[in-house]
Amino acid sequence: MRVLLSFVLVLSSGLALPNQLGERDNAKRDADHSPSSNFTIYASHYSGNVHTLQFEPGLGRVYATQVLQSCGKKPSWLTIDRESKTLYCLDESGDPATGEPGHLYEYAIRRNGTLEERAKVETAPGPVHATLYGKEKKFIAIASLYVARGSN
């Protein structure tokens, strides 16, 4: 079940970007008779890897172009800011009992779709979801799997 769910999330429109092909790449695509443009897809895995994939719909092919051993021990959620060409990755690790934090990683999306790590910040333990908000999406809200408990 987890594999199927991961595959559905990978193909969601929020994690796929049309390639920014140069003239030489367009000529190659035309020579291959590929009817549609390619897409770059980003996926994370609990192995600690963040994958950059290419999807060629005309050929029905998906292949890896980059595998980063990055985003902590449990990369869980990816968020793309299309305007700034930035990808955010949440590391779901962390435990409030031990004081271990979670992390948010920031990557620049290069012109060819590959990623370059720019920043890493600590979050509350166990971050599982992030969304950009506010005017010009300058803020990021993060949900954690741990719930704070008050005293009775």
C-alpha atoms as a PDB file:
ATOM      1  CA  MET A   1       0.000   0.000   0.000  1.00  0.00           C
ATOM      2  CA  ARG A   2       2.780   2.458   0.878  1.00  0.00           C
ATOM      3  CA  VAL A   3       4.440   1.939  -2.525  1.00  0.00           C
ATOM      4  CA  LEU A   4       1.225   2.694  -4.391  1.00  0.00           C
ATOM      5  CA  LEU A   5       0.558   5.769  -2.251  1.00  0.00           C
ATOM      6  CA  SER A   6       4.106   7.044  -2.834  1.00  0.00           C
ATOM      7  CA  PHE A   7       3.711   6.598  -6.580  1.00  0.00           C
ATOM      8  CA  VAL A   8       0.449   8.566  -6.614  1.00  0.00           C
ATOM      9  CA  LEU A   9       2.064  11.405  -4.646  1.00  0.00           C
ATOM     10  CA  VAL A  10       5.071  11.486  -6.973  1.00  0.00           C
ATOM     11  CA  LEU A  11       2.850  11.982 -10.003  1.00  0.00           C
ATOM     12  CA  SER A  12       0.825  14.764  -8.414  1.00  0.00           C
ATOM     13  CA  SER A  13       1.012  18.043 -10.310  1.00  0.00           C
ATOM     14  CA  GLY A  14       2.600  19.841  -7.348  1.00  0.00           C
ATOM     15  CA  LEU A  15       5.785  17.807  -7.614  1.00  0.00           C
ATOM     16  CA  ALA A  16       6.246  17.809 -11.385  1.00  0.00           C
ATOM     17  CA  LEU A  17       7.731  20.710 -13.316  1.00  0.00           C
ATOM     18  CA  PRO A  18       7.904  21.084 -17.107  1.00  0.00           C
ATOM     19  CA  ASN A  19      11.505  21.015 -18.275  1.00  0.00           C
ATOM     20  CA  GLN A  20      13.128  24.234 -19.435  1.00  0.00           C
ATOM     21  CA  LEU A  21      14.658  22.751 -22.556  1.00  0.00           C
ATOM     22  CA  GLY A  22      17.319  24.572 -24.522  1.00  0.00           C
ATOM     23  CA  GLU A  23      17.397  24.668 -28.323  1.00  0.00           C
ATOM     24  CA  ARG A  24      19.704  21.660 -28.592  1.00  0.00           C
ATOM     25  CA  ASP A  25      17.428  19.648 -26.263  1.00  0.00           C
ATOM     26  CA  ASN A  26      14.374  20.627 -28.346  1.00  0.00           C
ATOM     27  CA  ALA A  27      16.116  19.446 -31.510  1.00  0.00           C
ATOM     28  CA  LYS A  28      16.962  16.112 -29.833  1.00  0.00           C
ATOM     29  CA  ARG A  29      13.350  15.701 -28.656  1.00  0.00           C
ATOM     30  CA  ASP A  30      12.070  16.430 -32.173  1.00  0.00           C
ATOM     31  CA  ALA A  31      14.517  13.916 -33.637  1.00  0.00           C
ATOM     32  CA  ASP A  32      13.262  11.273 -31.173  1.00  0.00           C
ATOM     33  CA  HIS A  33       9.668  12.021 -32.307  1.00  0.00           C
ATOM     34  CA  SER A  34       8.588  12.590 -28.719  1.00  0.00           C
ATOM     35  CA  PRO A  35       5.117  14.201 -28.950  1.00  0.00           C
ATOM     36  CA  SER A  36       5.142  16.010 -25.627  1.00  0.00           C
ATOM     37  CA  SER A  37       7.595  17.739 -23.355  1.00  0.00           C
ATOM     38  CA  ASN A  38       9.299  16.007 -20.451  1.00  0.00           C
ATOM     39  CA  PHE A  39       8.677  16.674 -16.775  1.00  0.00           C
ATOM     40  CA  THR A  40      10.972  16.739 -13.774  1.00  0.00           C
ATOM     41  CA  ILE A  41       9.545  14.885 -10.772  1.00  0.00           C
ATOM     42  CA  TYR A  42      10.858  15.038  -7.196  1.00  0.00           C
ATOM     43  CA  ALA A  43      10.462  12.194  -4.703  1.00  0.00           C
ATOM     44  CA  SER A  44      11.735  11.478  -1.213  1.00  0.00           C
ATOM     45  CA  HIS A  45      12.286   8.128   0.471  1.00  0.00           C
ATOM     46  CA  TYR A  46      12.869   6.985   4.052  1.00  0.00           C
ATOM     47  CA  SER A  47      16.253   5.661   2.883  1.00  0.00           C
ATOM     48  CA  GLY A  48      17.413   9.272   3.328  1.00  0.00           C
ATOM     49  CA  ASN A  49      17.412  10.066  -0.387  1.00  0.00           C
ATOM     50  CA  VAL A  50      15.796  12.812  -2.439  1.00  0.00           C
ATOM     51  CA  HIS A  51      15.378  11.787  -6.078  1.00  0.00           C
ATOM     52  CA  THR A  52      15.184  13.932  -9.196  1.00  0.00           C
ATOM     53  CA  LEU A  53      13.431  11.993 -11.956  1.00  0.00           C
ATOM     54  CA  GLN A  54      12.665  12.682 -15.585  1.00  0.00           C
ATOM     55  CA  PHE A  55       9.307  11.639 -16.997  1.00  0.00           C
ATOM     56  CA  GLU A  56       9.037  11.310 -20.774  1.00  0.00           C
ATOM     57  CA  PRO A  57       5.303  10.856 -21.421  1.00  0.00           C
ATOM     58  CA  GLY A  58       5.781  10.305 -25.150  1.00  0.00           C
ATOM     59  CA  LEU A  59       8.005   7.308 -24.462  1.00  0.00           C
ATOM     60  CA  GLY A  60       6.310   6.217 -21.230  1.00  0.00           C
ATOM     61  CA  ARG A  61       9.645   6.345 -19.431  1.00  0.00           C
ATOM     62  CA  VAL A  62      10.732   7.546 -15.967  1.00  0.00           C
ATOM     63  CA  TYR A  63      14.400   7.584 -14.948  1.00  0.00           C
ATOM     64  CA  ALA A  64      16.574   9.097 -12.219  1.00  0.00           C
ATOM     65  CA  THR A  65      18.829  12.041 -13.057  1.00  0.00           C
ATOM     66  CA  GLN A  66      19.989  12.771  -9.492  1.00  0.00           C
ATOM     67  CA  VAL A  67      19.905  11.015  -6.123  1.00  0.00           C
ATOM     68  CA  LEU A  68      20.888  13.140  -3.128  1.00  0.00           C
ATOM     69  CA  GLN A  69      21.750  11.554   0.211  1.00  0.00           C
ATOM     70  CA  SER A  70      20.171  14.520   1.907  1.00  0.00           C
ATOM     71  CA  CYS A  71      17.193  15.696   3.947  1.00  0.00           C
ATOM     72  CA  GLY A  72      18.080  13.802   7.120  1.00  0.00           C
ATOM     73  CA  LYS A  73      17.152  10.279   8.167  1.00  0.00           C
ATOM     74  CA  LYS A  74      13.480  10.319   7.130  1.00  0.00           C
ATOM     75  CA  PRO A  75      12.693  12.664   4.220  1.00  0.00           C
ATOM     76  CA  SER A  76       8.914  12.786   4.254  1.00  0.00           C
ATOM     77  CA  TRP A  77       7.271  15.783   2.574  1.00  0.00           C
ATOM     78  CA  LEU A  78       8.275  17.909  -0.411  1.00  0.00           C
ATOM     79  CA  THR A  79       6.948  21.389  -1.162  1.00  0.00           C
ATOM     80  CA  ILE A  80       7.791  23.371  -4.308  1.00  0.00           C
ATOM     81  CA  ASP A  81       7.797  27.150  -4.650  1.00  0.00           C
ATOM     82  CA  ARG A  82       7.559  27.506  -8.427  1.00  0.00           C
ATOM     83  CA  GLU A  83       8.146  31.268  -8.398  1.00  0.00           C
ATOM     84  CA  SER A  84      11.498  31.130  -6.615  1.00  0.00           C
ATOM     85  CA  LYS A  85      12.400  27.702  -8.044  1.00  0.00           C
ATOM     86  CA  THR A  86      12.885  26.294  -4.551  1.00  0.00           C
ATOM     87  CA  LEU A  87      12.109  22.851  -3.159  1.00  0.00           C
ATOM     88  CA  TYR A  88      11.619  22.294   0.582  1.00  0.00           C
ATOM     89  CA  CYS A  89      12.052  18.871   2.176  1.00  0.00           C
ATOM     90  CA  LEU A  90      10.952  17.878   5.681  1.00  0.00           C
ATOM     91  CA  ASP A  91      12.989  15.375   7.693  1.00  0.00           C
ATOM     92  CA  GLU A  92      10.379  13.534   9.758  1.00  0.00           C
ATOM     93  CA  SER A  93      12.925  12.332  12.306  1.00  0.00           C
ATOM     94  CA  GLY A  94      13.099  13.819  15.759  1.00  0.00           C
ATOM     95  CA  ASP A  95      11.692  12.848  19.104  1.00  0.00           C
ATOM     96  CA  PRO A  96      10.415  15.176  21.813  1.00  0.00           C
ATOM     97  CA  ALA A  97      11.362  12.629  24.514  1.00  0.00           C
ATOM     98  CA  THR A  98      15.052  12.868  23.584  1.00  0.00           C
ATOM     99  CA  GLY A  99      15.004  16.484  22.437  1.00  0.00           C
ATOM    100  CA  GLU A 100      15.997  15.518  18.886  1.00  0.00           C
ATOM    101  CA  PRO A 101      14.553  18.078  16.438  1.00  0.00           C
ATOM    102  CA  GLY A 102      13.164  17.552  12.961  1.00  0.00           C
ATOM    103  CA  HIS A 103      14.587  19.541  10.045  1.00  0.00           C
ATOM    104  CA  LEU A 104      13.551  21.573   7.035  1.00  0.00           C
ATOM    105  CA  TYR A 105      15.942  21.580   4.065  1.00  0.00           C
ATOM    106  CA  GLU A 106      15.894  24.118   1.248  1.00  0.00           C
ATOM    107  CA  TYR A 107      17.129  23.324  -2.265  1.00  0.00           C
ATOM    108  CA  ALA A 108      17.627  25.521  -5.299  1.00  0.00           C
ATOM    109  CA  ILE A 109      16.090  23.989  -8.425  1.00  0.00           C
ATOM    110  CA  ARG A 110      18.680  24.427 -11.166  1.00  0.00           C
ATOM    111  CA  ARG A 111      17.742  25.098 -14.778  1.00  0.00           C
ATOM    112  CA  ASN A 112      18.222  21.400 -15.657  1.00  0.00           C
ATOM    113  CA  GLY A 113      15.931  20.361 -12.767  1.00  0.00           C
ATOM    114  CA  THR A 114      18.618  19.038 -10.434  1.00  0.00           C
ATOM    115  CA  LEU A 115      18.798  20.230  -6.841  1.00  0.00           C
ATOM    116  CA  GLU A 116      21.438  22.077  -4.839  1.00  0.00           C
ATOM    117  CA  GLU A 117      21.116  22.224  -1.046  1.00  0.00           C
ATOM    118  CA  ARG A 118      21.048  25.832   0.214  1.00  0.00           C
ATOM    119  CA  ALA A 119      19.932  25.671   3.838  1.00  0.00           C
ATOM    120  CA  LYS A 120      18.909  23.462   6.747  1.00  0.00           C
ATOM    121  CA  VAL A 121      16.993  24.587   9.849  1.00  0.00           C
ATOM    122  CA  GLU A 122      15.657  22.786  12.898  1.00  0.00           C
ATOM    123  CA  THR A 123      11.908  22.283  13.351  1.00  0.00           C
ATOM    124  CA  ALA A 124       9.697  20.724  15.999  1.00  0.00           C
ATOM    125  CA  PRO A 125      10.191  16.927  16.113  1.00  0.00           C
ATOM    126  CA  GLY A 126       8.407  14.833  13.483  1.00  0.00           C
ATOM    127  CA  PRO A 127       7.399  17.333  10.786  1.00  0.00           C
ATOM    128  CA  VAL A 128       5.039  15.648   8.304  1.00  0.00           C
ATOM    129  CA  HIS A 129       3.522  18.418   6.172  1.00  0.00           C
ATOM    130  CA  ALA A 130       4.446  21.913   4.976  1.00  0.00           C
ATOM    131  CA  THR A 131       2.676  24.564   2.980  1.00  0.00           C
ATOM    132  CA  LEU A 132       3.679  28.010   1.774  1.00  0.00           C
ATOM    133  CA  TYR A 133       1.372  30.895   2.640  1.00  0.00           C
ATOM    134  CA  GLY A 134       1.036  34.661   2.877  1.00  0.00           C
ATOM    135  CA  LYS A 135       1.546  37.395   0.351  1.00  0.00           C
ATOM    136  CA  GLU A 136       4.113  36.180  -2.170  1.00  0.00           C
ATOM    137  CA  LYS A 137       4.306  32.897  -0.200  1.00  0.00           C
ATOM    138  CA  LYS A 138       7.114  34.115   2.041  1.00  0.00           C
ATOM    139  CA  PHE A 139       6.075  31.951   5.009  1.00  0.00           C
ATOM    140  CA  ILE A 140       6.015  28.195   5.530  1.00  0.00           C
ATOM    141  CA  ALA A 141       3.685  26.403   7.952  1.00  0.00           C
ATOM    142  CA  ILE A 142       4.820  23.001   9.227  1.00  0.00           C
ATOM    143  CA  ALA A 143       2.663  20.328  10.879  1.00  0.00           C
ATOM    144  CA  SER A 144       4.268  17.844  13.272  1.00  0.00           C
ATOM    145  CA  LEU A 145       3.123  14.328  14.111  1.00  0.00           C
ATOM    146  CA  TYR A 146       3.679  14.965  17.811  1.00  0.00           C
ATOM    147  CA  VAL A 147       1.010  16.702  19.872  1.00  0.00           C
ATOM    148  CA  ALA A 148       1.916  18.879  22.819  1.00  0.00           C
ATOM    149  CA  ARG A 149       0.230  17.689  25.981  1.00  0.00           C
ATOM    150  CA  GLY A 150      -0.601  19.976  28.848  1.00  0.00           C
ATOM    151  CA  SER A 151      -0.781  19.011  32.492  1.00  0.00           C
ATOM    152  CA  ASN A 152      -4.156  18.132  33.981  1.00  0.00           C
END
